[in-house]
Amino acid sequence: MIDLPSQPYKDDKTIAAIDLGSNSFHMVIGKEENGQFIIIDRLREPVRLGEGIDRNKQLDPIVGQRA
C-alpha cells in the first residue's frame, strides 16, 4: 500500500526519480533548495521480479501483479 501526501506538491522545483529494478522498485521525491537536493519522501517496494521468470523468459502473472 502506498501512502500519498494529502496535498500535491505545488513547487516547480519538486522532482521525483523512479528506479524499477528486478528486486525492488524505488521512488525518491525531492526539491532543489539553495543549490542542494533535499529529499522530501522516499518509497521502496520489494517486487522480486526475477523469481517469476520461466524458461521462456515470460513473467509469471502472479509476480507481475505483485509488481
Protein backbone atom coordinates (compact mmCIF):
# COMPACT_ATOMS: atom_id res chain seq x y z
CA MET A 1 0.00 0.00 0.00
CA ILE A 2 1.37 3.39 -0.98
CA ASP A 3 0.61 6.39 1.21
CA LEU A 4 0.33 9.52 -0.90
CA PRO A 5 0.57 13.01 0.54
CA SER A 6 -2.78 14.63 1.27
CA GLN A 7 -1.76 17.74 -0.67
CA PRO A 8 0.07 17.64 -4.01
CA TYR A 9 3.46 19.29 -4.21
CA LYS A 10 2.95 22.62 -5.97
CA ASP A 11 6.55 23.70 -6.29
CA ASP A 12 8.16 23.68 -9.72
CA LYS A 13 11.44 22.67 -8.07
CA THR A 14 9.99 19.35 -6.84
CA ILE A 15 11.07 16.27 -8.78
CA ALA A 16 10.70 12.50 -8.48
CA ALA A 17 13.08 9.74 -9.55
CA ILE A 18 11.91 6.16 -10.07
CA ASP A 19 14.12 3.05 -10.25
CA LEU A 20 12.33 -0.09 -11.44
CA GLY A 21 14.70 -2.93 -10.64
CA SER A 22 14.21 -6.69 -10.75
CA ASN A 23 14.29 -6.98 -6.97
CA SER A 24 12.55 -3.79 -5.84
CA PHE A 25 11.03 -0.53 -7.04
CA HIS A 26 12.29 2.74 -5.52
CA MET A 27 10.94 6.27 -5.71
CA VAL A 28 12.54 9.40 -4.28
CA ILE A 29 10.82 12.78 -4.17
CA GLY A 30 12.91 15.84 -3.57
CA LYS A 31 13.31 19.51 -4.28
CA GLU A 32 16.07 21.94 -5.01
CA GLU A 33 16.75 24.41 -2.24
CA ASN A 34 19.67 26.83 -2.36
CA GLY A 35 21.54 24.66 -4.86
CA GLN A 36 21.10 21.43 -2.90
CA PHE A 37 18.76 18.47 -3.41
CA ILE A 38 16.57 17.91 -0.33
CA ILE A 39 14.73 14.58 -0.04
CA ILE A 40 11.06 15.06 0.84
CA ASP A 41 10.00 11.41 0.78
CA ARG A 42 11.15 8.01 -0.40
CA LEU A 43 9.48 4.69 -1.03
CA ARG A 44 10.82 1.17 -1.55
CA GLU A 45 8.63 -1.77 -2.51
CA PRO A 46 10.11 -5.28 -2.87
CA VAL A 47 8.78 -6.96 -6.03
CA ARG A 48 11.23 -9.84 -6.68
CA LEU A 49 10.51 -9.92 -10.43
CA GLY A 50 13.46 -12.23 -11.07
CA GLU A 51 11.91 -15.13 -9.19
CA GLY A 52 8.92 -15.15 -11.55
CA ILE A 53 10.72 -15.68 -14.88
CA ASP A 54 10.14 -19.04 -16.58
CA ARG A 55 12.34 -20.90 -19.12
CA ASN A 56 10.80 -18.90 -21.97
CA LYS A 57 11.68 -15.66 -20.16
CA GLN A 58 8.00 -14.92 -19.53
CA LEU A 59 6.92 -13.25 -16.30
CA ASP A 60 4.60 -15.24 -14.07
CA PRO A 61 1.25 -13.35 -13.85
CA ILE A 62 1.26 -13.51 -10.03
CA VAL A 63 4.69 -11.89 -9.87
CA GLY A 64 3.59 -9.27 -12.42
CA GLN A 65 0.55 -8.43 -10.31
CA ARG A 66 2.73 -8.07 -7.21
CA ALA A 67 4.91 -5.56 -9.09
